[in-house]
PDB file of N, CA and C in Angstrom:
ATOM      1  N   MET A   1     -79.201  67.319 -12.972  1.00  0.00           N
ATOM      2  CA  MET A   1     -78.078  67.843 -13.010  1.00  0.00           C
ATOM      3  C   MET A   1     -78.217  67.255 -14.402  1.00  0.00           C
ATOM      4  N   ARG A   2     -77.600  68.155 -15.458  1.00  0.00           N
ATOM      5  CA  ARG A   2     -78.043  67.757 -16.996  1.00  0.00           C
ATOM      6  C   ARG A   2     -76.342  66.959 -17.648  1.00  0.00           C
ATOM      7  N   VAL A   3     -76.698  66.606 -18.711  1.00  0.00           N
ATOM      8  CA  VAL A   3     -75.261  65.843 -19.327  1.00  0.00           C
ATOM      9  C   VAL A   3     -73.967  66.927 -19.315  1.00  0.00           C
ATOM     10  N   GLY A   4     -74.715  68.021 -19.687  1.00  0.00           N
ATOM     11  CA  GLY A   4     -73.468  69.018 -19.980  1.00  0.00           C
ATOM     12  C   GLY A   4     -72.407  69.285 -18.627  1.00  0.00           C
ATOM     13  N   ASP A   5     -73.365  69.412 -18.047  1.00  0.00           N
ATOM     14  CA  ASP A   5     -72.859  69.546 -16.491  1.00  0.00           C
ATOM     15  C   ASP A   5     -71.914  68.563 -15.659  1.00  0.00           C
ATOM     16  N   GLU A   6     -72.597  67.184 -16.122  1.00  0.00           N
ATOM     17  CA  GLU A   6     -71.451  66.020 -15.005  1.00  0.00           C
ATOM     18  C   GLU A   6     -69.977  65.840 -16.330  1.00  0.00           C
ATOM     19  N   VAL A   7     -70.615  65.925 -17.883  1.00  0.00           N
ATOM     20  CA  VAL A   7     -69.617  66.041 -18.282  1.00  0.00           C
ATOM     21  C   VAL A   7     -68.749  67.057 -18.189  1.00  0.00           C
ATOM     22  N   GLU A   8     -68.716  68.672 -17.383  1.00  0.00           N
ATOM     23  CA  GLU A   8     -67.977  69.422 -16.957  1.00  0.00           C
ATOM     24  C   GLU A   8     -67.315  68.887 -15.940  1.00  0.00           C
ATOM     25  N   MET A   9     -67.931  68.366 -15.251  1.00  0.00           N
ATOM     26  CA  MET A   9     -67.235  67.743 -13.244  1.00  0.00           C
ATOM     27  C   MET A   9     -66.260  66.859 -13.459  1.00  0.00           C
ATOM     28  N   VAL A  10     -66.159  65.773 -14.766  1.00  0.00           N
ATOM     29  CA  VAL A  10     -65.784  64.913 -14.941  1.00  0.00           C
ATOM     30  C   VAL A  10     -64.520  65.323 -15.349  1.00  0.00           C
ATOM     31  N   GLY A  11     -64.307  66.429 -16.424  1.00  0.00           N
ATOM     32  CA  GLY A  11     -63.720  67.366 -17.299  1.00  0.00           C
ATOM     33  C   GLY A  11     -62.788  67.596 -16.146  1.00  0.00           C
ATOM     34  N   VAL A  12     -63.184  68.359 -15.276  1.00  0.00           N
ATOM     35  CA  VAL A  12     -62.926  68.969 -13.512  1.00  0.00           C
ATOM     36  C   VAL A  12     -62.034  68.165 -13.290  1.00  0.00           C
ATOM     37  N   LYS A  13     -62.429  67.065 -12.535  1.00  0.00           N
ATOM     38  CA  LYS A  13     -61.927  65.700 -11.756  1.00  0.00           C
ATOM     39  C   LYS A  13     -60.506  65.086 -13.128  1.00  0.00           C
ATOM     40  N   LYS A  14     -60.721  64.875 -14.000  1.00  0.00           N
ATOM     41  CA  LYS A  14     -59.639  64.220 -14.990  1.00  0.00           C
ATOM     42  C   LYS A  14     -58.633  65.425 -14.900  1.00  0.00           C
ATOM     43  N   SER A  15     -58.716  67.035 -14.536  1.00  0.00           N
ATOM     44  CA  SER A  15     -58.069  67.889 -14.842  1.00  0.00           C
ATOM     45  C   SER A  15     -57.401  67.994 -13.593  1.00  0.00           C
ATOM     46  N   ILE A  16     -58.216  67.474 -12.393  1.00  0.00           N
ATOM     47  CA  ILE A  16     -57.460  67.747 -10.668  1.00  0.00           C
ATOM     48  C   ILE A  16     -56.329  66.126 -10.602  1.00  0.00           C
ATOM     49  N   LEU A  17     -56.975  65.166 -11.231  1.00  0.00           N
ATOM     50  CA  LEU A  17     -56.373  63.691 -11.632  1.00  0.00           C
ATOM     51  C   LEU A  17     -54.993  64.304 -12.548  1.00  0.00           C
ATOM     52  N   ASP A  18     -55.456  64.796 -13.485  1.00  0.00           N
ATOM     53  CA  ASP A  18     -53.821  65.509 -13.891  1.00  0.00           C
ATOM     54  C   ASP A  18     -52.636  65.975 -13.336  1.00  0.00           C
ATOM     55  N   VAL A  19     -53.397  66.719 -12.835  1.00  0.00           N
ATOM     56  CA  VAL A  19     -52.367  67.739 -11.667  1.00  0.00           C
ATOM     57  C   VAL A  19     -51.670  66.938 -10.397  1.00  0.00           C
ATOM     58  N   VAL A  20     -52.317  65.793 -10.414  1.00  0.00           N
ATOM     59  CA  VAL A  20     -51.580  65.533  -8.670  1.00  0.00           C
ATOM     60  C   VAL A  20     -50.820  64.174  -9.411  1.00  0.00           C
ATOM     61  N   VAL A  21     -51.206  64.142 -11.047  1.00  0.00           N
ATOM     62  CA  VAL A  21     -50.322  62.776 -11.310  1.00  0.00           C
ATOM     63  C   VAL A  21     -48.741  63.542 -11.799  1.00  0.00           C
ATOM     64  N   VAL A  22     -49.070  64.848 -12.509  1.00  0.00           N
ATOM     65  CA  VAL A  22     -47.392  64.851 -12.909  1.00  0.00           C
ATOM     66  C   VAL A  22     -47.340  65.933 -11.101  1.00  0.00           C
ATOM     67  N   GLN A  23     -48.101  65.728  -9.957  1.00  0.00           N
ATOM     68  CA  GLN A  23     -47.155  66.137  -9.182  1.00  0.00           C
ATOM     69  C   GLN A  23     -46.709  65.344  -8.949  1.00  0.00           C
ATOM     70  N   GLN A  24     -46.637  63.825  -8.614  1.00  0.00           N
ATOM     71  CA  GLN A  24     -46.538  62.480  -8.186  1.00  0.00           C
ATOM     72  C   GLN A  24     -45.330  62.627  -8.704  1.00  0.00           C
ATOM     73  N   GLN A  25     -45.508  62.600 -10.292  1.00  0.00           N
ATOM     74  CA  GLN A  25     -43.977  61.992 -11.499  1.00  0.00           C
ATOM     75  C   GLN A  25     -42.862  62.991 -11.451  1.00  0.00           C
ATOM     76  N   LYS A  26     -43.310  64.512 -10.864  1.00  0.00           N
ATOM     77  CA  LYS A  26     -42.036  65.393 -10.427  1.00  0.00           C
ATOM     78  C   LYS A  26     -40.983  64.798  -9.069  1.00  0.00           C
ATOM     79  N   ARG A  27     -42.144  63.936  -8.233  1.00  0.00           N
ATOM     80  CA  ARG A  27     -41.988  63.450  -6.651  1.00  0.00           C
ATOM     81  C   ARG A  27     -41.228  62.938  -6.824  1.00  0.00           C
ATOM     82  N   ILE A  28     -41.368  61.725  -7.519  1.00  0.00           N
ATOM     83  CA  ILE A  28     -41.107  60.326  -8.203  1.00  0.00           C
ATOM     84  C   ILE A  28     -39.367  60.898  -8.736  1.00  0.00           C
ATOM     85  N   ASN A  29     -39.775  61.516  -9.825  1.00  0.00           N
ATOM     86  CA  ASN A  29     -37.803  61.434 -10.266  1.00  0.00           C
ATOM     87  C   ASN A  29     -37.416  62.674  -9.196  1.00  0.00           C
ATOM     88  N   GLU A  30     -37.884  63.102  -8.567  1.00  0.00           N
ATOM     89  CA  GLU A  30     -36.785  63.586  -6.892  1.00  0.00           C
ATOM     90  C   GLU A  30     -36.092  62.835  -6.756  1.00  0.00           C
ATOM     91  N   LEU A  31     -37.002  61.679  -6.171  1.00  0.00           N
ATOM     92  CA  LEU A  31     -36.533  60.713  -5.064  1.00  0.00           C
ATOM     93  C   LEU A  31     -35.773  59.649  -5.779  1.00  0.00           C
ATOM     94  N   GLU A  32     -35.760  59.459  -7.409  1.00  0.00           N
ATOM     95  CA  GLU A  32     -34.971  58.649  -7.802  1.00  0.00           C
ATOM     96  C   GLU A  32     -33.760  59.234  -8.194  1.00  0.00           C
ATOM     97  N   GLU A  33     -33.378  60.483  -8.346  1.00  0.00           N
ATOM     98  CA  GLU A  33     -32.864  61.212  -8.408  1.00  0.00           C
ATOM     99  C   GLU A  33     -31.775  61.581  -6.940  1.00  0.00           C
ATOM    100  N   LYS A  34     -31.977  61.823  -5.799  1.00  0.00           N
ATOM    101  CA  LYS A  34     -32.086  60.963  -4.898  1.00  0.00           C
ATOM    102  C   LYS A  34     -30.885  59.699  -3.982  1.00  0.00           C
ATOM    103  N   LEU A  35     -32.109  58.943  -5.052  1.00  0.00           N
ATOM    104  CA  LEU A  35     -32.056  57.317  -5.052  1.00  0.00           C
ATOM    105  C   LEU A  35     -30.368  57.131  -5.516  1.00  0.00           C
ATOM    106  N   ARG A  36     -30.200  58.047  -6.937  1.00  0.00           N
ATOM    107  CA  ARG A  36     -28.638  57.751  -7.648  1.00  0.00           C
ATOM    108  C   ARG A  36     -27.584  58.439  -6.761  1.00  0.00           C
ATOM    109  N   LYS A  37     -28.008  59.397  -6.444  1.00  0.00           N
ATOM    110  CA  LYS A  37     -26.930  60.112  -5.425  1.00  0.00           C
ATOM    111  C   LYS A  37     -26.996  59.007  -4.311  1.00  0.00           C
ATOM    112  N   VAL A  38     -27.587  58.796  -3.555  1.00  0.00           N
ATOM    113  CA  VAL A  38     -26.875  57.967  -2.508  1.00  0.00           C
ATOM    114  C   VAL A  38     -26.527  56.828  -2.637  1.00  0.00           C
ATOM    115  N   SER A  39     -26.677  56.133  -4.009  1.00  0.00           N
ATOM    116  CA  SER A  39     -26.379  54.982  -3.965  1.00  0.00           C
ATOM    117  C   SER A  39     -24.726  55.137  -4.947  1.00  0.00           C
ATOM    118  N   LYS A  40     -24.557  56.407  -5.684  1.00  0.00           N
ATOM    119  CA  LYS A  40     -23.225  56.626  -5.795  1.00  0.00           C
ATOM    120  C   LYS A  40     -22.300  56.875  -4.791  1.00  0.00           C
ATOM    121  N   LYS A  41     -22.770  57.376  -3.729  1.00  0.00           N
ATOM    122  CA  LYS A  41     -21.964  57.798  -2.445  1.00  0.00           C
ATOM    123  C   LYS A  41     -21.887  56.684  -1.823  1.00  0.00           C
ATOM    124  N   LEU A  42     -22.804  55.532  -1.792  1.00  0.00           N
ATOM    125  CA  LEU A  42     -22.762  54.019  -0.785  1.00  0.00           C
ATOM    126  C   LEU A  42     -21.221  53.468  -1.492  1.00  0.00           C
ATOM    127  N   LYS A  43     -21.357  53.823  -2.955  1.00  0.00           N
ATOM    128  CA  LYS A  43     -20.360  52.735  -3.816  1.00  0.00           C
ATOM    129  C   LYS A  43     -18.767  53.090  -3.180  1.00  0.00           C
ATOM    130  N   HIS A  44     -19.290  54.522  -3.898  1.00  0.00           N
ATOM    131  CA  HIS A  44     -17.638  55.504  -2.871  1.00  0.00           C
ATOM    132  C   HIS A  44     -17.428  55.292  -1.293  1.00  0.00           C
ATOM    133  N   LEU A  45     -18.315  54.874  -0.700  1.00  0.00           N
ATOM    134  CA  LEU A  45     -17.541  54.194   0.790  1.00  0.00           C
ATOM    135  C   LEU A  45     -17.399  53.285   1.112  1.00  0.00           C
ATOM    136  N   LYS A  46     -18.265  52.398   0.674  1.00  0.00           N
ATOM    137  CA  LYS A  46     -17.517  50.958   0.236  1.00  0.00           C
ATOM    138  C   LYS A  46     -15.987  50.726  -0.469  1.00  0.00           C
ATOM    139  N   LYS A  47     -15.716  51.761  -1.330  1.00  0.00           N
ATOM    140  CA  LYS A  47     -14.569  50.977  -1.867  1.00  0.00           C
ATOM    141  C   LYS A  47     -13.750  51.846  -1.078  1.00  0.00           C
ATOM    142  N   GLU A  48     -13.418  52.933   0.131  1.00  0.00           N
ATOM    143  CA  GLU A  48     -12.917  53.804   0.979  1.00  0.00           C
ATOM    144  C   GLU A  48     -13.341  52.733   2.045  1.00  0.00           C
ATOM    145  N   MET A  49     -14.071  52.338   2.684  1.00  0.00           N
ATOM    146  CA  MET A  49     -14.492  50.965   3.184  1.00  0.00           C
ATOM    147  C   MET A  49     -12.883  49.838   2.998  1.00  0.00           C
ATOM    148  N   SER A  50     -12.381  49.350   2.082  1.00  0.00           N
ATOM    149  CA  SER A  50     -12.554  48.004   1.712  1.00  0.00           C
ATOM    150  C   SER A  50     -11.226  48.971   2.019  1.00  0.00           C
ATOM    151  N   GLU A  51     -10.385  50.081   1.069  1.00  0.00           N
ATOM    152  CA  GLU A  51      -9.474  50.175   0.993  1.00  0.00           C
ATOM    153  C   GLU A  51      -8.613  50.684   2.816  1.00  0.00           C
ATOM    154  N   ASP A  52      -9.653  50.637   3.514  1.00  0.00           N
ATOM    155  CA  ASP A  52      -9.625  51.282   5.166  1.00  0.00           C
ATOM    156  C   ASP A  52      -9.211  49.666   5.458  1.00  0.00           C
ATOM    157  N   GLN A  53     -10.269  48.461   5.143  1.00  0.00           N
ATOM    158  CA  GLN A  53      -9.727  47.238   5.242  1.00  0.00           C
ATOM    159  C   GLN A  53      -8.374  47.100   5.225  1.00  0.00           C
ATOM    160  N   GLY A  54      -8.019  47.523   4.019  1.00  0.00           N
ATOM    161  CA  GLY A  54      -6.760  46.710   3.414  1.00  0.00           C
ATOM    162  C   GLY A  54      -5.548  47.160   4.388  1.00  0.00           C
ATOM    163  N   THR A  55      -5.277  48.625   4.769  1.00  0.00           N
ATOM    164  CA  THR A  55      -4.820  49.505   5.355  1.00  0.00           C
ATOM    165  C   THR A  55      -4.267  48.711   6.921  1.00  0.00           C
ATOM    166  N   LEU A  56      -5.838  48.669   7.620  1.00  0.00           N
ATOM    167  CA  LEU A  56      -5.702  48.319   8.842  1.00  0.00           C
ATOM    168  C   LEU A  56      -5.344  46.126   8.308  1.00  0.00           C
ATOM    169  N   VAL A  57      -5.809  45.690   7.967  1.00  0.00           N
ATOM    170  CA  VAL A  57      -4.727  44.298   7.873  1.00  0.00           C
ATOM    171  C   VAL A  57      -3.262  45.066   7.771  1.00  0.00           C
ATOM    172  N   LYS A  58      -2.973  45.380   7.001  1.00  0.00           N
ATOM    173  CA  LYS A  58      -1.352  46.086   6.864  1.00  0.00           C
ATOM    174  C   LYS A  58      -1.000  46.805   8.164  1.00  0.00           C
ATOM    175  N   VAL A  59      -1.470  47.405   8.820  1.00  0.00           N
ATOM    176  CA  VAL A  59      -0.962  47.592  10.242  1.00  0.00           C
ATOM    177  C   VAL A  59      -1.068  46.779  11.359  1.00  0.00           C
ATOM    178  N   GLU A  60      -1.965  45.821  11.192  1.00  0.00           N
ATOM    179  CA  GLU A  60      -2.443  44.648  12.180  1.00  0.00           C
ATOM    180  C   GLU A  60      -1.449  43.675  11.923  1.00  0.00           C
ATOM    181  N   SER A  61      -0.891  42.961  10.709  1.00  0.00           N
ATOM    182  CA  SER A  61       0.363  42.862  10.825  1.00  0.00           C
ATOM    183  C   SER A  61       1.902  43.248  11.316  1.00  0.00           C
ATOM    184  N   PHE A  62       1.614  44.318  10.715  1.00  0.00           N
ATOM    185  CA  PHE A  62       2.797  45.472  11.539  1.00  0.00           C
ATOM    186  C   PHE A  62       3.382  45.549  12.428  1.00  0.00           C
ATOM    187  N   VAL A  63       1.763  45.131  13.787  1.00  0.00           N
ATOM    188  CA  VAL A  63       2.249  45.576  14.822  1.00  0.00           C
ATOM    189  C   VAL A  63       1.880  43.952  15.544  1.00  0.00           C
ATOM    190  N   GLU A  64       1.447  43.500  14.957  1.00  0.00           N
ATOM    191  CA  GLU A  64       1.716  41.497  15.390  1.00  0.00           C
ATOM    192  C   GLU A  64       3.392  41.099  15.022  1.00  0.00           C
ATOM    193  N   SER A  65       3.736  41.590  14.174  1.00  0.00           N
ATOM    194  CA  SER A  65       4.807  41.514  13.762  1.00  0.00           C
ATOM    195  C   SER A  65       5.710  42.059  14.939  1.00  0.00           C
ATOM    196  N   LYS A  66       6.166  43.543  15.451  1.00  0.00           N
ATOM    197  CA  LYS A  66       6.449  44.385  16.347  1.00  0.00           C
ATOM    198  C   LYS A  66       6.250  43.527  17.734  1.00  0.00           C
ATOM    199  N   VAL A  67       4.926  42.794  17.678  1.00  0.00           N
ATOM    200  CA  VAL A  67       4.920  42.286  19.352  1.00  0.00           C
ATOM    201  C   VAL A  67       5.427  41.382  19.063  1.00  0.00           C
ATOM    202  N   SER A  68       5.721  40.755  18.263  1.00  0.00           N
ATOM    203  CA  SER A  68       6.457  39.169  18.295  1.00  0.00           C
ATOM    204  C   SER A  68       7.935  39.480  18.114  1.00  0.00           C
ATOM    205  N   VAL A  69       8.707  40.607  17.579  1.00  0.00           N
ATOM    206  CA  VAL A  69       9.867  40.841  18.070  1.00  0.00           C
ATOM    207  C   VAL A  69      10.075  41.663  19.851  1.00  0.00           C
ATOM    208  N   ALA A  70       9.287  41.842  20.340  1.00  0.00           N
ATOM    209  CA  ALA A  70       8.828  42.894  21.314  1.00  0.00           C
ATOM    210  C   ALA A  70       9.131  41.517  22.309  1.00  0.00           C
ATOM    211  N   GLU A  71       8.053  40.356  22.097  1.00  0.00           N
ATOM    212  CA  GLU A  71       7.947  39.580  22.688  1.00  0.00           C
ATOM    213  C   GLU A  71       9.105  38.399  23.220  1.00  0.00           C
ATOM    214  N   SER A  72      10.082  38.329  21.783  1.00  0.00           N
ATOM    215  CA  SER A  72      10.966  37.413  21.973  1.00  0.00           C
ATOM    216  C   SER A  72      12.587  38.197  22.329  1.00  0.00           C
ATOM    217  N   GLN A  73      12.794  39.316  22.727  1.00  0.00           N
ATOM    218  CA  GLN A  73      13.141  40.460  23.133  1.00  0.00           C
ATOM    219  C   GLN A  73      13.071  40.621  24.162  1.00  0.00           C
ATOM    220  N   ALA A  74      11.883  40.766  24.865  1.00  0.00           N
ATOM    221  CA  ALA A  74      11.519  40.613  25.889  1.00  0.00           C
ATOM    222  C   ALA A  74      12.089  39.083  27.151  1.00  0.00           C
ATOM    223  N   VAL A  75      12.082  38.011  26.187  1.00  0.00           N
ATOM    224  CA  VAL A  75      12.140  36.622  26.855  1.00  0.00           C
ATOM    225  C   VAL A  75      13.920  36.606  26.710  1.00  0.00           C
ATOM    226  N   ASP A  76      14.261  37.060  26.206  1.00  0.00           N
ATOM    227  CA  ASP A  76      16.096  37.112  25.716  1.00  0.00           C
ATOM    228  C   ASP A  76      16.312  38.049  26.852  1.00  0.00           C
ATOM    229  N   ALA A  77      15.915  39.361  27.414  1.00  0.00           N
ATOM    230  CA  ALA A  77      15.900  39.740  28.594  1.00  0.00           C
ATOM    231  C   ALA A  77      15.767  39.833  29.809  1.00  0.00           C
ATOM    232  N   GLY A  78      14.541  38.589  29.653  1.00  0.00           N
ATOM    233  CA  GLY A  78      14.469  38.158  30.493  1.00  0.00           C
ATOM    234  C   GLY A  78      15.474  36.661  31.649  1.00  0.00           C
ATOM    235  N   ASP A  79      15.797  35.785  30.270  1.00  0.00           N
ATOM    236  CA  ASP A  79      16.517  35.020  30.071  1.00  0.00           C
ATOM    237  C   ASP A  79      18.035  35.726  31.201  1.00  0.00           C
ATOM    238  N   ARG A  80      18.594  37.026  30.323  1.00  0.00           N
ATOM    239  CA  ARG A  80      19.879  37.918  30.431  1.00  0.00           C
ATOM    240  C   ARG A  80      19.493  37.825  32.596  1.00  0.00           C
ATOM    241  N   GLY A  81      18.047  38.834  32.370  1.00  0.00           N
ATOM    242  CA  GLY A  81      18.060  39.277  34.394  1.00  0.00           C
ATOM    243  C   GLY A  81      18.267  38.423  34.887  1.00  0.00           C
ATOM    244  N   SER A  82      17.718  36.819  35.358  1.00  0.00           N
ATOM    245  CA  SER A  82      17.737  35.822  35.942  1.00  0.00           C
ATOM    246  C   SER A  82      19.383  35.435  35.792  1.00  0.00           C
ATOM    247  N   VAL A  83      19.989  35.372  34.589  1.00  0.00           N
ATOM    248  CA  VAL A  83      21.867  35.494  34.830  1.00  0.00           C
ATOM    249  C   VAL A  83      22.548  36.403  35.688  1.00  0.00           C
ATOM    250  N   LEU A  84      21.766  37.362  35.409  1.00  0.00           N
ATOM    251  CA  LEU A  84      22.796  38.751  35.861  1.00  0.00           C
ATOM    252  C   LEU A  84      21.934  38.777  37.583  1.00  0.00           C
ATOM    253  N   LYS A  85      20.814  38.404  37.618  1.00  0.00           N
ATOM    254  CA  LYS A  85      20.726  37.833  38.850  1.00  0.00           C
ATOM    255  C   LYS A  85      21.319  36.817  40.082  1.00  0.00           C
ATOM    256  N   THR A  86      21.665  35.432  39.065  1.00  0.00           N
ATOM    257  CA  THR A  86      22.403  35.006  39.705  1.00  0.00           C
ATOM    258  C   THR A  86      23.784  35.235  40.238  1.00  0.00           C
ATOM    259  N   VAL A  87      24.248  36.210  39.101  1.00  0.00           N
ATOM    260  CA  VAL A  87      25.520  36.606  38.909  1.00  0.00           C
ATOM    261  C   VAL A  87      25.651  37.807  40.422  1.00  0.00           C
ATOM    262  N   THR A  88      25.341  38.408  40.674  1.00  0.00           N
ATOM    263  CA  THR A  88      25.242  39.261  41.649  1.00  0.00           C
ATOM    264  C   THR A  88      24.679  38.683  43.286  1.00  0.00           C
ATOM    265  N   LYS A  89      23.600  37.341  42.460  1.00  0.00           N
ATOM    266  CA  LYS A  89      23.937  36.672  44.198  1.00  0.00           C
ATOM    267  C   LYS A  89      25.533  36.507  44.788  1.00  0.00           C
ATOM    268  N   GLY A  90      25.564  35.786  43.702  1.00  0.00           N
ATOM    269  CA  GLY A  90      27.046  34.918  43.721  1.00  0.00           C
ATOM    270  C   GLY A  90      28.346  36.266  44.605  1.00  0.00           C
ATOM    271  N   SER A  91      28.102  37.577  44.031  1.00  0.00           N
ATOM    272  CA  SER A  91      29.054  38.414  44.185  1.00  0.00           C
ATOM    273  C   SER A  91      28.486  38.916  45.312  1.00  0.00           C
ATOM    274  N   ASN A  92      27.044  39.241  46.142  1.00  0.00           N
ATOM    275  CA  ASN A  92      27.259  39.353  47.289  1.00  0.00           C
ATOM    276  C   ASN A  92      27.494  38.326  48.516  1.00  0.00           C
ATOM    277  N   ASN A  93      28.192  37.221  48.490  1.00  0.00           N
ATOM    278  CA  ASN A  93      28.228  37.040  49.333  1.00  0.00           C
ATOM    279  C   ASN A  93      29.742  36.507  49.742  1.00  0.00           C
ATOM    280  N   ILE A  94      30.433  37.792  48.647  1.00  0.00           N
ATOM    281  CA  ILE A  94      32.559  37.491  48.545  1.00  0.00           C
ATOM    282  C   ILE A  94      32.300  38.978  49.272  1.00  0.00           C
ATOM    283  N   LYS A  95      33.019  38.240  50.728  1.00  0.00           N
ATOM    284  CA  LYS A  95      33.784  39.780  51.456  1.00  0.00           C
ATOM    285  C   LYS A  95      34.741  40.504  50.591  1.00  0.00           C
ATOM    286  N   LYS A  96      34.531  41.496  51.077  1.00  0.00           N
ATOM    287  CA  LYS A  96      35.411  42.808  49.666  1.00  0.00           C
ATOM    288  C   LYS A  96      36.089  43.842  50.875  1.00  0.00           C
ATOM    289  N   SER A  97      37.579  42.965  51.011  1.00  0.00           N
ATOM    290  CA  SER A  97      37.597  44.562  51.843  1.00  0.00           C
ATOM    291  C   SER A  97      38.236  45.431  51.708  1.00  0.00           C
ATOM    292  N   PRO A  98      37.116  46.496  52.521  1.00  0.00           N
ATOM    293  CA  PRO A  98      37.304  48.180  51.713  1.00  0.00           C
ATOM    294  C   PRO A  98      38.686  48.842  51.845  1.00  0.00           C
ATOM    295  N   SER A  99      38.813  49.717  50.798  1.00  0.00           N
ATOM    296  CA  SER A  99      40.508  50.742  50.761  1.00  0.00           C
ATOM    297  C   SER A  99      40.076  51.367  51.796  1.00  0.00           C
ATOM    298  N   TYR A 100      39.976  51.978  52.626  1.00  0.00           N
ATOM    299  CA  TYR A 100      40.150  52.681  53.371  1.00  0.00           C
ATOM    300  C   TYR A 100      40.913  51.916  55.043  1.00  0.00           C
ATOM    301  N   PRO A 101      41.039  52.602  56.122  1.00  0.00           N
ATOM    302  CA  PRO A 101      41.541  52.047  57.325  1.00  0.00           C
ATOM    303  C   PRO A 101      39.913  51.503  58.195  1.00  0.00           C
ATOM    304  N   ILE A 102      39.967  50.533  58.577  1.00  0.00           N
ATOM    305  CA  ILE A 102      38.623  50.497  59.408  1.00  0.00           C
ATOM    306  C   ILE A 102      39.715  50.949  61.498  1.00  0.00           C
ATOM    307  N   PRO A 103      38.757  51.679  61.910  1.00  0.00           N
ATOM    308  CA  PRO A 103      39.535  51.737  62.909  1.00  0.00           C
ATOM    309  C   PRO A 103      38.827  50.594  63.885  1.00  0.00           C
ATOM    310  N   SER A 104      40.093  50.187  64.770  1.00  0.00           N
ATOM    311  CA  SER A 104      39.694  48.776  65.426  1.00  0.00           C
ATOM    312  C   SER A 104      39.460  49.512  67.265  1.00  0.00           C
ATOM    313  N   PRO A 105      38.125  48.346  67.277  1.00  0.00           N
ATOM    314  CA  PRO A 105      37.190  48.777  68.710  1.00  0.00           C
ATOM    315  C   PRO A 105      38.766  48.636  69.971  1.00  0.00           C
ATOM    316  N   GLN A 106      38.387  49.414  70.849  1.00  0.00           N
ATOM    317  CA  GLN A 106      39.610  49.507  72.268  1.00  0.00           C
ATOM    318  C   GLN A 106      39.161  49.312  73.093  1.00  0.00           C
TER     319      GLN A 106
END
């Protein structure tokens, strides 16, 4: 092999490597662009999640307050129910005379 042939082979190898480097650089640029898009989307989703979290806290607070009110009303209703049971038990013992005549047994 002559020196010229070796130089030519080195030139071809260098050309091939240059092409590979250019292809790899294009791929790197594409991946960096995708990464920027994904990063932007992630920031947007984090912002939405934070807003949703705030809304969720408000909803939980609202529900807790309504549950608290409902529980207190249930206790009040339970107290009224026990009073009504007591009153109705007492009134069941009272003998009422019917408004219609009862036939006497013969």
